PDB file of all heavy atoms in Angstrom:
ATOM      1  N   GLU A   1     204.956 -77.672 -26.340  1.00  0.00           N
ATOM      2  CA  GLU A   1     203.649 -78.354 -26.167  1.00  0.00           C
ATOM      3  C   GLU A   1     203.735 -79.623 -25.270  1.00  0.00           C
ATOM      4  O   GLU A   1     202.816 -80.098 -24.765  1.00  0.00           O
ATOM      5  CB  GLU A   1     202.853 -78.611 -27.346  1.00  0.00           C
ATOM      6  CG  GLU A   1     202.558 -77.303 -28.158  1.00  0.00           C
ATOM      7  CD  GLU A   1     201.563 -76.553 -27.263  1.00  0.00           C
ATOM      8  OE1 GLU A   1     200.629 -77.051 -26.697  1.00  0.00           O
ATOM      9  OE2 GLU A   1     201.679 -75.233 -27.331  1.00  0.00           O
ATOM     10  N   LYS A   2     204.926 -80.332 -25.454  1.00  0.00           N
ATOM     11  CA  LYS A   2     205.222 -81.674 -24.834  1.00  0.00           C
ATOM     12  C   LYS A   2     205.162 -81.530 -23.385  1.00  0.00           C
ATOM     13  O   LYS A   2     205.797 -80.786 -22.785  1.00  0.00           O
ATOM     14  CB  LYS A   2     206.355 -82.206 -25.432  1.00  0.00           C
ATOM     15  CG  LYS A   2     206.706 -83.605 -24.877  1.00  0.00           C
ATOM     16  CD  LYS A   2     205.546 -84.715 -25.332  1.00  0.00           C
ATOM     17  CE  LYS A   2     205.878 -85.946 -24.769  1.00  0.00           C
ATOM     18  NZ  LYS A   2     204.900 -87.017 -25.064  1.00  0.00           N
ATOM     19  N   GLY A   3     204.317 -82.463 -22.720  1.00  0.00           N
ATOM     20  CA  GLY A   3     204.277 -82.464 -21.308  1.00  0.00           C
ATOM     21  C   GLY A   3     203.449 -81.368 -20.711  1.00  0.00           C
ATOM     22  O   GLY A   3     203.426 -81.434 -19.392  1.00  0.00           O
ATOM     23  N   LYS A   4     202.966 -80.584 -21.430  1.00  0.00           N
ATOM     24  CA  LYS A   4     202.084 -79.420 -20.817  1.00  0.00           C
ATOM     25  C   LYS A   4     200.724 -80.102 -20.293  1.00  0.00           C
ATOM     26  O   LYS A   4     199.969 -80.538 -21.138  1.00  0.00           O
ATOM     27  CB  LYS A   4     201.843 -78.378 -21.744  1.00  0.00           C
ATOM     28  CG  LYS A   4     201.184 -77.181 -21.221  1.00  0.00           C
ATOM     29  CD  LYS A   4     200.685 -76.167 -22.265  1.00  0.00           C
ATOM     30  CE  LYS A   4     201.886 -75.414 -22.869  1.00  0.00           C
ATOM     31  NZ  LYS A   4     201.441 -74.484 -23.887  1.00  0.00           N
ATOM     32  N   PHE A   5     200.518 -79.973 -19.093  1.00  0.00           N
ATOM     33  CA  PHE A   5     199.156 -80.443 -18.567  1.00  0.00           C
ATOM     34  C   PHE A   5     198.134 -79.346 -18.890  1.00  0.00           C
ATOM     35  O   PHE A   5     198.319 -78.242 -18.608  1.00  0.00           O
ATOM     36  CB  PHE A   5     199.305 -80.676 -17.024  1.00  0.00           C
ATOM     37  CG  PHE A   5     198.029 -81.267 -16.440  1.00  0.00           C
ATOM     38  CD1 PHE A   5     197.702 -82.618 -16.587  1.00  0.00           C
ATOM     39  CD2 PHE A   5     197.121 -80.484 -15.771  1.00  0.00           C
ATOM     40  CE1 PHE A   5     196.708 -83.128 -16.139  1.00  0.00           C
ATOM     41  CE2 PHE A   5     196.005 -81.033 -15.256  1.00  0.00           C
ATOM     42  CZ  PHE A   5     195.679 -82.300 -15.394  1.00  0.00           C
ATOM     43  N   ILE A   6     197.005 -79.798 -19.283  1.00  0.00           N
ATOM     44  CA  ILE A   6     195.975 -78.878 -19.814  1.00  0.00           C
ATOM     45  C   ILE A   6     195.136 -78.499 -18.481  1.00  0.00           C
ATOM     46  O   ILE A   6     194.447 -79.437 -18.028  1.00  0.00           O
ATOM     47  CB  ILE A   6     195.201 -79.554 -20.849  1.00  0.00           C
ATOM     48  CG1 ILE A   6     196.104 -79.725 -22.106  1.00  0.00           C
ATOM     49  CG2 ILE A   6     194.005 -78.552 -21.177  1.00  0.00           C
ATOM     50  CD1 ILE A   6     195.473 -80.388 -23.288  1.00  0.00           C
ATOM     51  N   HIS A   7     195.105 -77.380 -18.143  1.00  0.00           N
ATOM     52  CA  HIS A   7     194.323 -76.824 -17.106  1.00  0.00           C
ATOM     53  C   HIS A   7     193.048 -76.125 -17.611  1.00  0.00           C
ATOM     54  O   HIS A   7     192.956 -75.819 -18.842  1.00  0.00           O
ATOM     55  CB  HIS A   7     195.233 -75.804 -16.136  1.00  0.00           C
ATOM     56  CG  HIS A   7     196.313 -76.459 -15.470  1.00  0.00           C
ATOM     57  ND1 HIS A   7     196.175 -77.180 -14.382  1.00  0.00           N
ATOM     58  CD2 HIS A   7     197.543 -76.383 -15.760  1.00  0.00           C
ATOM     59  CE1 HIS A   7     197.391 -77.561 -13.997  1.00  0.00           C
ATOM     60  NE2 HIS A   7     198.296 -77.115 -14.939  1.00  0.00           N
ATOM     61  N   ASN A   8     192.211 -75.880 -16.722  1.00  0.00           N
ATOM     62  CA  ASN A   8     190.859 -75.189 -17.193  1.00  0.00           C
ATOM     63  C   ASN A   8     190.162 -75.816 -18.277  1.00  0.00           C
ATOM     64  O   ASN A   8     189.668 -75.150 -19.211  1.00  0.00           O
ATOM     65  CB  ASN A   8     191.287 -73.642 -17.541  1.00  0.00           C
ATOM     66  CG  ASN A   8     191.958 -72.921 -16.502  1.00  0.00           C
ATOM     67  OD1 ASN A   8     191.623 -73.030 -15.257  1.00  0.00           O
ATOM     68  ND2 ASN A   8     192.967 -72.179 -16.810  1.00  0.00           N
ATOM     69  N   MET A   9     190.122 -77.172 -18.197  1.00  0.00           N
ATOM     70  CA  MET A   9     189.469 -77.970 -19.281  1.00  0.00           C
ATOM     71  C   MET A   9     187.932 -77.724 -19.058  1.00  0.00           C
ATOM     72  O   MET A   9     187.478 -77.778 -18.005  1.00  0.00           O
ATOM     73  CB  MET A   9     189.727 -79.370 -19.031  1.00  0.00           C
ATOM     74  CG  MET A   9     189.327 -80.294 -20.284  1.00  0.00           C
ATOM     75  SD  MET A   9     189.597 -82.018 -19.824  1.00  0.00           S
ATOM     76  CE  MET A   9     191.419 -81.964 -19.567  1.00  0.00           C
ATOM     77  N   THR A  10     187.202 -77.507 -20.162  1.00  0.00           N
ATOM     78  CA  THR A  10     185.904 -77.244 -20.120  1.00  0.00           C
ATOM     79  C   THR A  10     185.159 -78.683 -19.865  1.00  0.00           C
ATOM     80  O   THR A  10     185.695 -79.643 -20.160  1.00  0.00           O
ATOM     81  CB  THR A  10     185.358 -76.645 -21.459  1.00  0.00           C
ATOM     82  OG1 THR A  10     185.578 -77.546 -22.576  1.00  0.00           O
ATOM     83  CG2 THR A  10     186.026 -75.326 -21.717  1.00  0.00           C
ATOM     84  N   GLU A  11     183.891 -78.620 -19.610  1.00  0.00           N
ATOM     85  CA  GLU A  11     183.084 -79.812 -19.509  1.00  0.00           C
ATOM     86  C   GLU A  11     183.098 -80.569 -20.784  1.00  0.00           C
ATOM     87  O   GLU A  11     183.172 -81.841 -20.777  1.00  0.00           O
ATOM     88  CB  GLU A  11     181.697 -79.463 -18.993  1.00  0.00           C
ATOM     89  CG  GLU A  11     181.662 -79.110 -17.535  1.00  0.00           C
ATOM     90  CD  GLU A  11     181.986 -80.197 -16.603  1.00  0.00           C
ATOM     91  OE1 GLU A  11     181.112 -81.248 -16.616  1.00  0.00           O
ATOM     92  OE2 GLU A  11     182.960 -80.124 -15.803  1.00  0.00           O
ATOM     93  N   ASP A  12     182.820 -79.906 -21.832  1.00  0.00           N
ATOM     94  CA  ASP A  12     182.780 -80.595 -23.167  1.00  0.00           C
ATOM     95  C   ASP A  12     184.140 -81.153 -23.405  1.00  0.00           C
ATOM     96  O   ASP A  12     184.113 -82.366 -23.951  1.00  0.00           O
ATOM     97  CB  ASP A  12     182.474 -79.621 -24.294  1.00  0.00           C
ATOM     98  CG  ASP A  12     181.004 -79.147 -24.153  1.00  0.00           C
ATOM     99  OD1 ASP A  12     180.183 -79.858 -23.572  1.00  0.00           O
ATOM    100  OD2 ASP A  12     180.631 -78.058 -24.873  1.00  0.00           O
ATOM    101  N   GLU A  13     185.194 -80.606 -23.188  1.00  0.00           N
ATOM    102  CA  GLU A  13     186.532 -81.138 -23.431  1.00  0.00           C
ATOM    103  C   GLU A  13     186.874 -82.308 -22.600  1.00  0.00           C
ATOM    104  O   GLU A  13     187.355 -83.358 -22.991  1.00  0.00           O
ATOM    105  CB  GLU A  13     187.653 -80.096 -23.304  1.00  0.00           C
ATOM    106  CG  GLU A  13     187.598 -79.014 -24.271  1.00  0.00           C
ATOM    107  CD  GLU A  13     188.640 -77.946 -24.071  1.00  0.00           C
ATOM    108  OE1 GLU A  13     189.090 -77.793 -22.723  1.00  0.00           O
ATOM    109  OE2 GLU A  13     188.979 -77.165 -24.931  1.00  0.00           O
ATOM    110  N   LYS A  14     186.405 -82.320 -21.427  1.00  0.00           N
ATOM    111  CA  LYS A  14     186.575 -83.535 -20.397  1.00  0.00           C
ATOM    112  C   LYS A  14     185.978 -84.728 -20.975  1.00  0.00           C
ATOM    113  O   LYS A  14     186.535 -85.903 -21.036  1.00  0.00           O
ATOM    114  CB  LYS A  14     185.985 -83.118 -19.009  1.00  0.00           C
ATOM    115  CG  LYS A  14     186.202 -84.113 -18.094  1.00  0.00           C
ATOM    116  CD  LYS A  14     185.769 -83.782 -16.572  1.00  0.00           C
ATOM    117  CE  LYS A  14     184.224 -83.431 -16.605  1.00  0.00           C
ATOM    118  NZ  LYS A  14     183.752 -83.230 -15.214  1.00  0.00           N
ATOM    119  N   TYR A  15     184.689 -84.556 -21.439  1.00  0.00           N
ATOM    120  CA  TYR A  15     183.954 -85.717 -21.738  1.00  0.00           C
ATOM    121  C   TYR A  15     184.434 -86.240 -23.276  1.00  0.00           C
ATOM    122  O   TYR A  15     184.363 -87.376 -23.564  1.00  0.00           O
ATOM    123  CB  TYR A  15     182.391 -85.513 -21.705  1.00  0.00           C
ATOM    124  CG  TYR A  15     181.913 -85.334 -20.414  1.00  0.00           C
ATOM    125  CD1 TYR A  15     181.303 -84.081 -20.095  1.00  0.00           C
ATOM    126  CD2 TYR A  15     182.107 -86.224 -19.404  1.00  0.00           C
ATOM    127  CE1 TYR A  15     180.694 -83.912 -18.772  1.00  0.00           C
ATOM    128  CE2 TYR A  15     181.555 -86.051 -18.161  1.00  0.00           C
ATOM    129  CZ  TYR A  15     180.797 -84.935 -17.797  1.00  0.00           C
ATOM    130  OH  TYR A  15     180.433 -84.609 -16.626  1.00  0.00           O
ATOM    131  N   MET A  16     184.834 -85.304 -24.126  1.00  0.00           N
ATOM    132  CA  MET A  16     185.367 -85.590 -25.310  1.00  0.00           C
ATOM    133  C   MET A  16     186.680 -86.334 -25.210  1.00  0.00           C
ATOM    134  O   MET A  16     186.978 -87.292 -25.972  1.00  0.00           O
ATOM    135  CB  MET A  16     185.528 -84.361 -26.295  1.00  0.00           C
ATOM    136  CG  MET A  16     185.868 -84.645 -27.636  1.00  0.00           C
ATOM    137  SD  MET A  16     184.525 -85.740 -28.522  1.00  0.00           S
ATOM    138  CE  MET A  16     183.259 -84.364 -28.780  1.00  0.00           C
ATOM    139  N   ARG A  17     187.507 -86.002 -24.170  1.00  0.00           N
ATOM    140  CA  ARG A  17     188.685 -86.859 -24.108  1.00  0.00           C
ATOM    141  C   ARG A  17     188.455 -88.229 -23.678  1.00  0.00           C
ATOM    142  O   ARG A  17     189.075 -89.222 -24.105  1.00  0.00           O
ATOM    143  CB  ARG A  17     189.607 -86.111 -22.965  1.00  0.00           C
ATOM    144  CG  ARG A  17     190.256 -84.872 -23.405  1.00  0.00           C
ATOM    145  CD  ARG A  17     191.386 -84.371 -22.521  1.00  0.00           C
ATOM    146  NE  ARG A  17     191.859 -83.141 -23.021  1.00  0.00           N
ATOM    147  CZ  ARG A  17     192.749 -82.997 -24.036  1.00  0.00           C
ATOM    148  NH1 ARG A  17     193.114 -84.121 -24.606  1.00  0.00           N
ATOM    149  NH2 ARG A  17     193.147 -81.866 -24.421  1.00  0.00           N
ATOM    150  N   ARG A  18     187.333 -88.452 -22.955  1.00  0.00           N
ATOM    151  CA  ARG A  18     186.971 -89.855 -22.639  1.00  0.00           C
ATOM    152  C   ARG A  18     186.499 -90.505 -23.930  1.00  0.00           C
ATOM    153  O   ARG A  18     186.833 -91.609 -24.122  1.00  0.00           O
ATOM    154  CB  ARG A  18     185.876 -89.765 -21.606  1.00  0.00           C
ATOM    155  CG  ARG A  18     185.320 -91.191 -21.244  1.00  0.00           C
ATOM    156  CD  ARG A  18     186.394 -92.263 -20.774  1.00  0.00           C
ATOM    157  NE  ARG A  18     185.792 -93.499 -20.669  1.00  0.00           N
ATOM    158  CZ  ARG A  18     186.589 -94.637 -20.446  1.00  0.00           C
ATOM    159  NH1 ARG A  18     187.890 -94.500 -20.714  1.00  0.00           N
ATOM    160  NH2 ARG A  18     186.054 -95.740 -20.319  1.00  0.00           N
ATOM    161  N   ALA A  19     185.887 -89.792 -24.755  1.00  0.00           N
ATOM    162  CA  ALA A  19     185.343 -90.445 -26.011  1.00  0.00           C
ATOM    163  C   ALA A  19     186.576 -90.777 -26.876  1.00  0.00           C
ATOM    164  O   ALA A  19     186.596 -91.713 -27.497  1.00  0.00           O
ATOM    165  CB  ALA A  19     184.324 -89.454 -26.698  1.00  0.00           C
ATOM    166  N   ILE A  20     187.589 -89.959 -26.924  1.00  0.00           N
ATOM    167  CA  ILE A  20     188.876 -90.210 -27.501  1.00  0.00           C
ATOM    168  C   ILE A  20     189.431 -91.410 -27.201  1.00  0.00           C
ATOM    169  O   ILE A  20     189.931 -92.265 -27.911  1.00  0.00           O
ATOM    170  CB  ILE A  20     189.692 -89.000 -27.647  1.00  0.00           C
ATOM    171  CG1 ILE A  20     189.188 -87.854 -28.303  1.00  0.00           C
ATOM    172  CG2 ILE A  20     191.159 -89.459 -28.084  1.00  0.00           C
ATOM    173  CD1 ILE A  20     189.927 -86.530 -28.172  1.00  0.00           C
ATOM    174  N   GLN A  21     189.455 -91.639 -25.742  1.00  0.00           N
ATOM    175  CA  GLN A  21     190.065 -92.737 -25.184  1.00  0.00           C
ATOM    176  C   GLN A  21     189.214 -94.067 -25.688  1.00  0.00           C
ATOM    177  O   GLN A  21     189.989 -95.086 -25.997  1.00  0.00           O
ATOM    178  CB  GLN A  21     190.013 -92.741 -23.632  1.00  0.00           C
ATOM    179  CG  GLN A  21     191.022 -91.671 -23.012  1.00  0.00           C
ATOM    180  CD  GLN A  21     190.833 -91.703 -21.448  1.00  0.00           C
ATOM    181  OE1 GLN A  21     189.763 -91.917 -20.952  1.00  0.00           O
ATOM    182  NE2 GLN A  21     191.961 -91.599 -20.737  1.00  0.00           N
ATOM    183  N   LEU A  22     188.017 -94.029 -25.586  1.00  0.00           N
ATOM    184  CA  LEU A  22     187.256 -95.042 -26.143  1.00  0.00           C
ATOM    185  C   LEU A  22     187.442 -95.439 -27.548  1.00  0.00           C
ATOM    186  O   LEU A  22     187.558 -96.623 -27.896  1.00  0.00           O
ATOM    187  CB  LEU A  22     185.672 -94.797 -25.907  1.00  0.00           C
ATOM    188  CG  LEU A  22     185.255 -94.713 -24.396  1.00  0.00           C
ATOM    189  CD1 LEU A  22     183.943 -94.116 -24.341  1.00  0.00           C
ATOM    190  CD2 LEU A  22     185.280 -96.141 -23.810  1.00  0.00           C
ATOM    191  N   ALA A  23     187.557 -94.438 -28.389  1.00  0.00           N
ATOM    192  CA  ALA A  23     187.719 -94.716 -29.911  1.00  0.00           C
ATOM    193  C   ALA A  23     188.968 -95.512 -30.198  1.00  0.00           C
ATOM    194  O   ALA A  23     189.006 -96.417 -30.957  1.00  0.00           O
ATOM    195  CB  ALA A  23     187.845 -93.332 -30.506  1.00  0.00           C
ATOM    196  N   LYS A  24     190.056 -95.167 -29.373  1.00  0.00           N
ATOM    197  CA  LYS A  24     191.290 -96.010 -29.655  1.00  0.00           C
ATOM    198  C   LYS A  24     191.083 -97.500 -29.250  1.00  0.00           C
ATOM    199  O   LYS A  24     192.097 -98.293 -29.716  1.00  0.00           O
ATOM    200  CB  LYS A  24     192.363 -95.322 -28.881  1.00  0.00           C
ATOM    201  CG  LYS A  24     192.683 -93.949 -29.284  1.00  0.00           C
ATOM    202  CD  LYS A  24     193.755 -93.239 -28.389  1.00  0.00           C
ATOM    203  CE  LYS A  24     193.970 -91.792 -28.941  1.00  0.00           C
ATOM    204  NZ  LYS A  24     195.141 -91.142 -28.091  1.00  0.00           N
ATOM    205  N   CYS A  25     190.133 -97.892 -28.567  1.00  0.00           N
ATOM    206  CA  CYS A  25     189.943 -99.299 -28.305  1.00  0.00           C
ATOM    207  C   CYS A  25     189.727-100.102 -29.558  1.00  0.00           C
ATOM    208  O   CYS A  25     189.742-101.265 -29.463  1.00  0.00           O
ATOM    209  CB  CYS A  25     188.800 -99.465 -27.228  1.00  0.00           C
ATOM    210  SG  CYS A  25     189.153 -98.776 -25.659  1.00  0.00           S
ATOM    211  N   GLY A  26     189.253 -99.393 -30.602  1.00  0.00           N
ATOM    212  CA  GLY A  26     188.863-100.204 -31.875  1.00  0.00           C
ATOM    213  C   GLY A  26     190.069-100.234 -32.727  1.00  0.00           C
ATOM    214  O   GLY A  26     189.865-100.644 -33.897  1.00  0.00           O
ATOM    215  N   GLU A  27     191.232-100.023 -32.343  1.00  0.00           N
ATOM    216  CA  GLU A  27     192.417 -99.895 -33.274  1.00  0.00           C
ATOM    217  C   GLU A  27     192.594-101.320 -33.913  1.00  0.00           C
ATOM    218  O   GLU A  27     192.504-102.408 -33.194  1.00  0.00           O
ATOM    219  CB  GLU A  27     193.617 -99.560 -32.490  1.00  0.00           C
ATOM    220  CG  GLU A  27     194.978 -99.495 -33.274  1.00  0.00           C
ATOM    221  CD  GLU A  27     196.111 -99.051 -32.557  1.00  0.00           C
ATOM    222  OE1 GLU A  27     196.321 -99.453 -31.273  1.00  0.00           O
ATOM    223  OE2 GLU A  27     196.958 -98.345 -32.979  1.00  0.00           O
ATOM    224  N   ALA A  28     192.920-101.264 -35.250  1.00  0.00           N
ATOM    225  CA  ALA A  28     193.263-102.407 -36.033  1.00  0.00           C
ATOM    226  C   ALA A  28     192.008-103.245 -36.282  1.00  0.00           C
ATOM    227  O   ALA A  28     192.120-104.363 -36.823  1.00  0.00           O
ATOM    228  CB  ALA A  28     194.219-103.234 -35.492  1.00  0.00           C
ATOM    229  N   SER A  29     190.769-102.896 -35.799  1.00  0.00           N
ATOM    230  CA  SER A  29     189.606-103.783 -36.075  1.00  0.00           C
ATOM    231  C   SER A  29     188.365-103.079 -36.803  1.00  0.00           C
ATOM    232  O   SER A  29     187.480-103.622 -37.196  1.00  0.00           O
ATOM    233  CB  SER A  29     189.060-104.228 -34.829  1.00  0.00           C
ATOM    234  OG  SER A  29     188.648-103.161 -33.842  1.00  0.00           O
ATOM    235  N   THR A  30     188.590-101.764 -37.104  1.00  0.00           N
ATOM    236  CA  THR A  30     187.450-101.026 -37.722  1.00  0.00           C
ATOM    237  C   THR A  30     187.621-100.713 -39.100  1.00  0.00           C
ATOM    238  O   THR A  30     186.619-100.298 -39.922  1.00  0.00           O
ATOM    239  CB  THR A  30     187.155 -99.642 -36.909  1.00  0.00           C
ATOM    240  OG1 THR A  30     188.247 -98.762 -37.108  1.00  0.00           O
ATOM    241  CG2 THR A  30     186.963-100.121 -35.522  1.00  0.00           C
ATOM    242  N   ALA A  31     188.881-100.790 -39.603  1.00  0.00           N
ATOM    243  CA  ALA A  31     189.194-100.374 -41.017  1.00  0.00           C
ATOM    244  C   ALA A  31     188.413-101.228 -42.048  1.00  0.00           C
ATOM    245  O   ALA A  31     188.161-102.393 -41.837  1.00  0.00           O
ATOM    246  CB  ALA A  31     190.588-100.426 -41.316  1.00  0.00           C
ATOM    247  N   PRO A  32     187.852-100.555 -43.064  1.00  0.00           N
ATOM    248  CA  PRO A  32     188.224 -99.201 -43.579  1.00  0.00           C
ATOM    249  C   PRO A  32     187.328 -98.134 -42.743  1.00  0.00           C
ATOM    250  O   PRO A  32     187.465 -96.915 -43.167  1.00  0.00           O
ATOM    251  CB  PRO A  32     187.825 -99.214 -45.017  1.00  0.00           C
ATOM    252  CG  PRO A  32     186.727-100.213 -45.081  1.00  0.00           C
ATOM    253  CD  PRO A  32     187.066-101.274 -44.065  1.00  0.00           C
ATOM    254  N   ASN A  33     186.525 -98.456 -41.813  1.00  0.00           N
ATOM    255  CA  ASN A  33     185.740 -97.401 -41.120  1.00  0.00           C
ATOM    256  C   ASN A  33     186.643 -96.836 -40.224  1.00  0.00           C
ATOM    257  O   ASN A  33     187.744 -97.419 -39.751  1.00  0.00           O
ATOM    258  CB  ASN A  33     184.624 -98.091 -40.319  1.00  0.00           C
ATOM    259  CG  ASN A  33     183.471 -98.404 -41.213  1.00  0.00           C
ATOM    260  OD1 ASN A  33     183.496 -98.040 -42.456  1.00  0.00           O
ATOM    261  ND2 ASN A  33     182.486 -99.173 -40.778  1.00  0.00           N
ATOM    262  N   PRO A  34     186.440 -95.504 -39.697  1.00  0.00           N
ATOM    263  CA  PRO A  34     187.251 -94.853 -38.704  1.00  0.00           C
ATOM    264  C   PRO A  34     186.960 -95.377 -37.277  1.00  0.00           C
ATOM    265  O   PRO A  34     185.923 -96.061 -36.989  1.00  0.00           O
ATOM    266  CB  PRO A  34     186.811 -93.358 -38.874  1.00  0.00           C
ATOM    267  CG  PRO A  34     185.362 -93.552 -39.289  1.00  0.00           C
ATOM    268  CD  PRO A  34     185.261 -94.686 -40.185  1.00  0.00           C
ATOM    269  N   MET A  35     187.984 -95.118 -36.355  1.00  0.00           N
ATOM    270  CA  MET A  35     187.766 -95.369 -34.893  1.00  0.00           C
ATOM    271  C   MET A  35     186.887 -94.202 -34.381  1.00  0.00           C
ATOM    272  O   MET A  35     187.163 -93.081 -34.649  1.00  0.00           O
ATOM    273  CB  MET A  35     189.119 -95.545 -34.254  1.00  0.00           C
ATOM    274  CG  MET A  35     189.871 -96.692 -34.524  1.00  0.00           C
ATOM    275  SD  MET A  35     191.524 -96.783 -33.677  1.00  0.00           S
ATOM    276  CE  MET A  35     192.419 -95.398 -34.459  1.00  0.00           C
ATOM    277  N   VAL A  36     185.830 -94.597 -33.628  1.00  0.00           N
ATOM    278  CA  VAL A  36     184.944 -93.590 -33.116  1.00  0.00           C
ATOM    279  C   VAL A  36     184.525 -93.950 -31.712  1.00  0.00           C
ATOM    280  O   VAL A  36     184.284 -95.059 -31.419  1.00  0.00           O
ATOM    281  CB  VAL A  36     183.621 -93.424 -33.989  1.00  0.00           C
ATOM    282  CG1 VAL A  36     182.790 -92.323 -33.331  1.00  0.00           C
ATOM    283  CG2 VAL A  36     184.009 -93.063 -35.428  1.00  0.00           C
ATOM    284  N   GLY A  37     184.466 -92.939 -30.802  1.00  0.00           N
ATOM    285  CA  GLY A  37     184.106 -93.162 -29.391  1.00  0.00           C
ATOM    286  C   GLY A  37     183.043 -92.181 -29.218  1.00  0.00           C
ATOM    287  O   GLY A  37     182.796 -91.120 -29.661  1.00  0.00           O
ATOM    288  N   ALA A  38     182.063 -92.595 -28.154  1.00  0.00           N
ATOM    289  CA  ALA A  38     180.904 -91.841 -27.824  1.00  0.00           C
ATOM    290  C   ALA A  38     180.721 -91.962 -26.344  1.00  0.00           C
ATOM    291  O   ALA A  38     180.907 -93.129 -25.743  1.00  0.00           O
ATOM    292  CB  ALA A  38     179.775 -92.371 -28.623  1.00  0.00           C
TER     293      ALA A  38
END
């Protein structure tokens, strides 16, 4: 699985990956709440 580039990504997956990137911007500042991106 390591290094495998994901092809044929759906539209939903493409935008969710961006939401995941955004969520990580809240690292170390949201606890005890979770990190969330939208």
